[in-house]
Amino acid sequence: MKTPGVNTPDLYVASLEGWRLALVRALRRAVRASGPFEEQLKWGHLVYFHKGPALLIRAEAERVLFGFWRGQQFLELERRLKPGGKYDMATLELRAGDSISAPSARALARAARDFNERHGDPRSAAMPASKSAQPKSSRTKPARARSKRA
């Protein structure tokens, strides 16, 4: 949910109210306590970077998403994570009345940071091999048919 005039993480959080505000504040505290991240307002929500994007917090009208690039690697940490999207994404969907404990949120954030630490930017890892990396035989042009002259 994009909010007009919101262009910093602090303004994004301040634009929320009610249960979404309380939940986003709690998630943000847990992420910040889990280790060093660069926090940005990107794509209309909070994104946390460590050697590439690692996780996001996105407040929508009826839910808050706590999502993880490479989150499909963390399904054993949180059974409610739903796989989907590029880069092995998985997202925890939280609605009014739902919660996640601070230790669980910190564990997920640490896992996302540590995975990026070991494997680098998930966007780079998912890039297809360049043409120059293909074997030479796959790069040659097909032979043209010769015209027959009588």
C-alpha atoms as a PDB file:
ATOM      1  CA  MET A   1       0.000   0.000   0.000  1.00  0.00           C
ATOM      2  CA  LYS A   2       1.772   3.140  -1.194  1.00  0.00           C
ATOM      3  CA  THR A   3       1.185   6.241   0.867  1.00  0.00           C
ATOM      4  CA  PRO A   4       1.585   9.612  -0.923  1.00  0.00           C
ATOM      5  CA  GLY A   5       4.353  11.794   0.488  1.00  0.00           C
ATOM      6  CA  VAL A   6       6.028   8.929   2.324  1.00  0.00           C
ATOM      7  CA  ASN A   7       9.670   8.670   1.315  1.00  0.00           C
ATOM      8  CA  THR A   8      11.569   7.415   4.376  1.00  0.00           C
ATOM      9  CA  PRO A   9      11.226   4.333   6.578  1.00  0.00           C
ATOM     10  CA  ASP A  10      10.250   6.499   9.567  1.00  0.00           C
ATOM     11  CA  LEU A  11       7.506   8.271   7.599  1.00  0.00           C
ATOM     12  CA  TYR A  12       6.265   4.902   6.301  1.00  0.00           C
ATOM     13  CA  VAL A  13       5.844   3.608   9.857  1.00  0.00           C
ATOM     14  CA  ALA A  14       4.330   6.903  11.036  1.00  0.00           C
ATOM     15  CA  SER A  15       1.717   6.673   8.251  1.00  0.00           C
ATOM     16  CA  LEU A  16       0.285   3.478   9.772  1.00  0.00           C
ATOM     17  CA  GLU A  17      -2.258   3.145  12.548  1.00  0.00           C
ATOM     18  CA  GLY A  18      -3.886   0.592  14.809  1.00  0.00           C
ATOM     19  CA  TRP A  19      -2.831  -3.036  14.748  1.00  0.00           C
ATOM     20  CA  ARG A  20      -0.723  -2.533  11.600  1.00  0.00           C
ATOM     21  CA  LEU A  21       1.337   0.197  13.297  1.00  0.00           C
ATOM     22  CA  ALA A  22       1.909  -1.944  16.395  1.00  0.00           C
ATOM     23  CA  LEU A  23       2.865  -4.997  14.333  1.00  0.00           C
ATOM     24  CA  VAL A  24       5.204  -3.138  11.958  1.00  0.00           C
ATOM     25  CA  ARG A  25       6.923  -1.457  14.918  1.00  0.00           C
ATOM     26  CA  ALA A  26       7.442  -4.837  16.599  1.00  0.00           C
ATOM     27  CA  LEU A  27       8.773  -6.437  13.412  1.00  0.00           C
ATOM     28  CA  ARG A  28      11.067  -3.479  12.768  1.00  0.00           C
ATOM     29  CA  ARG A  29      12.477  -3.700  16.325  1.00  0.00           C
ATOM     30  CA  ALA A  30      13.083  -7.432  15.918  1.00  0.00           C
ATOM     31  CA  VAL A  31      14.836  -6.985  12.559  1.00  0.00           C
ATOM     32  CA  ARG A  32      17.037  -4.183  13.871  1.00  0.00           C
ATOM     33  CA  ALA A  33      17.959  -6.301  16.927  1.00  0.00           C
ATOM     34  CA  SER A  34      18.962  -9.254  14.729  1.00  0.00           C
ATOM     35  CA  GLY A  35      22.072  -7.657  13.260  1.00  0.00           C
ATOM     36  CA  PRO A  36      23.260  -5.072  10.789  1.00  0.00           C
ATOM     37  CA  PHE A  37      20.940  -4.276   7.898  1.00  0.00           C
ATOM     38  CA  GLU A  38      20.527  -1.293   5.639  1.00  0.00           C
ATOM     39  CA  GLU A  39      16.886  -0.236   5.897  1.00  0.00           C
ATOM     40  CA  GLN A  40      15.294   1.434   2.876  1.00  0.00           C
ATOM     41  CA  LEU A  41      11.862   2.404   1.729  1.00  0.00           C
ATOM     42  CA  LYS A  42      11.792   0.606  -1.619  1.00  0.00           C
ATOM     43  CA  TRP A  43       8.952  -0.634  -3.800  1.00  0.00           C
ATOM     44  CA  GLY A  44       6.509   1.063  -1.415  1.00  0.00           C
ATOM     45  CA  HIS A  45       7.532  -0.796   1.744  1.00  0.00           C
ATOM     46  CA  LEU A  46      10.411  -1.434   4.154  1.00  0.00           C
ATOM     47  CA  VAL A  47      13.231  -3.474   2.644  1.00  0.00           C
ATOM     48  CA  TYR A  48      16.268  -4.667   4.581  1.00  0.00           C
ATOM     49  CA  PHE A  49      19.529  -5.209   2.744  1.00  0.00           C
ATOM     50  CA  HIS A  50      22.662  -7.150   3.636  1.00  0.00           C
ATOM     51  CA  LYS A  51      24.668  -7.997   0.519  1.00  0.00           C
ATOM     52  CA  GLY A  52      21.439  -7.615  -1.422  1.00  0.00           C
ATOM     53  CA  PRO A  53      17.785  -7.627  -0.361  1.00  0.00           C
ATOM     54  CA  ALA A  54      17.164 -10.010   2.519  1.00  0.00           C
ATOM     55  CA  LEU A  55      13.680  -9.267   3.881  1.00  0.00           C
ATOM     56  CA  LEU A  56      10.741  -6.907   3.744  1.00  0.00           C
ATOM     57  CA  ILE A  57       7.928  -5.583   5.885  1.00  0.00           C
ATOM     58  CA  ARG A  58       4.889  -4.487   3.905  1.00  0.00           C
ATOM     59  CA  ALA A  59       1.722  -3.069   5.460  1.00  0.00           C
ATOM     60  CA  GLU A  60      -1.420  -3.421   3.368  1.00  0.00           C
ATOM     61  CA  ALA A  61      -5.022  -2.533   4.174  1.00  0.00           C
ATOM     62  CA  GLU A  62      -5.920  -5.924   5.652  1.00  0.00           C
ATOM     63  CA  ARG A  63      -2.560  -7.572   6.316  1.00  0.00           C
ATOM     64  CA  VAL A  64       1.135  -7.109   7.051  1.00  0.00           C
ATOM     65  CA  LEU A  65       3.635  -9.170   5.081  1.00  0.00           C
ATOM     66  CA  PHE A  66       6.953 -10.258   6.571  1.00  0.00           C
ATOM     67  CA  GLY A  67       8.749 -11.591   3.509  1.00  0.00           C
ATOM     68  CA  PHE A  68      12.130 -13.103   2.796  1.00  0.00           C
ATOM     69  CA  TRP A  69      14.210 -13.417  -0.329  1.00  0.00           C
ATOM     70  CA  ARG A  70      15.326 -17.072  -0.197  1.00  0.00           C
ATOM     71  CA  GLY A  71      12.677 -17.600   2.479  1.00  0.00           C
ATOM     72  CA  GLN A  72      11.923 -21.084   1.200  1.00  0.00           C
ATOM     73  CA  GLN A  73      15.162 -22.030   2.969  1.00  0.00           C
ATOM     74  CA  PHE A  74      13.584 -21.002   6.290  1.00  0.00           C
ATOM     75  CA  LEU A  75      10.358 -23.008   6.265  1.00  0.00           C
ATOM     76  CA  GLU A  76      11.574 -25.054   9.247  1.00  0.00           C
ATOM     77  CA  LEU A  77      11.921 -21.836  11.280  1.00  0.00           C
ATOM     78  CA  GLU A  78       8.343 -20.691  10.647  1.00  0.00           C
ATOM     79  CA  ARG A  79       5.719 -23.126   9.384  1.00  0.00           C
ATOM     80  CA  ARG A  80       3.368 -20.286   8.327  1.00  0.00           C
ATOM     81  CA  LEU A  81       5.752 -19.022   5.626  1.00  0.00           C
ATOM     82  CA  LYS A  82       4.161 -19.346   2.189  1.00  0.00           C
ATOM     83  CA  PRO A  83       6.516 -19.941  -0.743  1.00  0.00           C
ATOM     84  CA  GLY A  84       6.018 -17.874  -3.875  1.00  0.00           C
ATOM     85  CA  GLY A  85       7.670 -15.449  -6.246  1.00  0.00           C
ATOM     86  CA  LYS A  86      11.178 -15.041  -7.587  1.00  0.00           C
ATOM     87  CA  TYR A  87      14.370 -15.699  -5.661  1.00  0.00           C
ATOM     88  CA  ASP A  88      12.861 -18.515  -3.540  1.00  0.00           C
ATOM     89  CA  MET A  89      10.702 -15.943  -1.741  1.00  0.00           C
ATOM     90  CA  ALA A  90       8.505 -16.930   1.173  1.00  0.00           C
ATOM     91  CA  THR A  91       6.180 -14.633   3.088  1.00  0.00           C
ATOM     92  CA  LEU A  92       4.433 -14.682   6.427  1.00  0.00           C
ATOM     93  CA  GLU A  93       1.001 -13.074   6.116  1.00  0.00           C
ATOM     94  CA  LEU A  94      -0.217 -11.491   9.360  1.00  0.00           C
ATOM     95  CA  ARG A  95      -3.744 -10.148   9.826  1.00  0.00           C
ATOM     96  CA  ALA A  96      -5.426  -8.371  12.735  1.00  0.00           C
ATOM     97  CA  GLY A  97      -5.012 -10.569  15.811  1.00  0.00           C
ATOM     98  CA  ASP A  98      -2.083 -12.566  14.366  1.00  0.00           C
ATOM     99  CA  SER A  99       1.384 -12.323  15.845  1.00  0.00           C
ATOM    100  CA  ILE A 100       4.906 -13.641  15.701  1.00  0.00           C
ATOM    101  CA  SER A 101       7.144 -13.701  18.738  1.00  0.00           C
ATOM    102  CA  ALA A 102      10.118 -11.358  18.839  1.00  0.00           C
ATOM    103  CA  PRO A 103      12.572 -14.311  19.116  1.00  0.00           C
ATOM    104  CA  SER A 104      11.014 -15.954  16.037  1.00  0.00           C
ATOM    105  CA  ALA A 105      11.114 -12.709  14.037  1.00  0.00           C
ATOM    106  CA  ARG A 106      14.764 -12.188  15.048  1.00  0.00           C
ATOM    107  CA  ALA A 107      15.644 -15.769  14.087  1.00  0.00           C
ATOM    108  CA  LEU A 108      14.108 -15.322  10.631  1.00  0.00           C
ATOM    109  CA  ALA A 109      15.889 -11.997  10.102  1.00  0.00           C
ATOM    110  CA  ARG A 110      19.215 -13.506  11.208  1.00  0.00           C
ATOM    111  CA  ALA A 111      18.685 -16.452   8.856  1.00  0.00           C
ATOM    112  CA  ALA A 112      18.029 -14.071   5.939  1.00  0.00           C
ATOM    113  CA  ARG A 113      21.095 -11.979   6.750  1.00  0.00           C
ATOM    114  CA  ASP A 114      23.327 -15.029   7.247  1.00  0.00           C
ATOM    115  CA  PHE A 115      22.145 -16.638   3.998  1.00  0.00           C
ATOM    116  CA  ASN A 116      23.020 -13.466   2.067  1.00  0.00           C
ATOM    117  CA  GLU A 117      26.349 -13.299   3.887  1.00  0.00           C
ATOM    118  CA  ARG A 118      27.225 -16.797   2.648  1.00  0.00           C
ATOM    119  CA  HIS A 119      25.650 -16.681  -0.814  1.00  0.00           C
ATOM    120  CA  GLY A 120      25.555 -12.991  -1.817  1.00  0.00           C
ATOM    121  CA  ASP A 121      22.774 -11.029  -3.465  1.00  0.00           C
ATOM    122  CA  PRO A 122      19.832 -13.327  -4.285  1.00  0.00           C
ATOM    123  CA  ARG A 123      19.129 -11.351  -7.456  1.00  0.00           C
ATOM    124  CA  SER A 124      22.611 -12.091  -8.818  1.00  0.00           C
ATOM    125  CA  ALA A 125      22.473 -15.750  -7.880  1.00  0.00           C
ATOM    126  CA  ALA A 126      19.217 -16.126  -9.817  1.00  0.00           C
ATOM    127  CA  MET A 127      20.539 -14.529 -13.031  1.00  0.00           C
ATOM    128  CA  PRO A 128      20.717 -16.855 -16.015  1.00  0.00           C
ATOM    129  CA  ALA A 129      24.158 -17.621 -17.356  1.00  0.00           C
ATOM    130  CA  SER A 130      25.337 -15.091 -19.904  1.00  0.00           C
ATOM    131  CA  LYS A 131      25.773 -15.993 -23.530  1.00  0.00           C
ATOM    132  CA  SER A 132      29.514 -15.828 -23.094  1.00  0.00           C
ATOM    133  CA  ALA A 133      29.298 -18.632 -20.538  1.00  0.00           C
ATOM    134  CA  GLN A 134      27.621 -20.946 -23.036  1.00  0.00           C
ATOM    135  CA  PRO A 135      29.717 -23.505 -24.911  1.00  0.00           C
ATOM    136  CA  LYS A 136      31.067 -22.195 -28.206  1.00  0.00           C
ATOM    137  CA  SER A 137      29.076 -24.700 -30.248  1.00  0.00           C
ATOM    138  CA  SER A 138      25.777 -23.269 -28.960  1.00  0.00           C
ATOM    139  CA  ARG A 139      26.781 -19.760 -30.082  1.00  0.00           C
ATOM    140  CA  THR A 140      27.543 -20.517 -33.724  1.00  0.00           C
ATOM    141  CA  LYS A 141      25.140 -19.373 -36.387  1.00  0.00           C
ATOM    142  CA  PRO A 142      23.311 -22.028 -38.381  1.00  0.00           C
ATOM    143  CA  ALA A 143      24.763 -22.666 -41.810  1.00  0.00           C
ATOM    144  CA  ARG A 144      22.892 -21.007 -44.664  1.00  0.00           C
ATOM    145  CA  ALA A 145      21.514 -23.139 -47.433  1.00  0.00           C
ATOM    146  CA  ARG A 146      23.390 -22.667 -50.679  1.00  0.00           C
ATOM    147  CA  SER A 147      21.428 -21.768 -53.744  1.00  0.00           C
ATOM    148  CA  LYS A 148      21.661 -24.195 -56.603  1.00  0.00           C
ATOM    149  CA  ARG A 149      22.784 -22.822 -59.927  1.00  0.00           C
ATOM    150  CA  ALA A 150      22.406 -24.937 -63.007  1.00  0.00           C
END
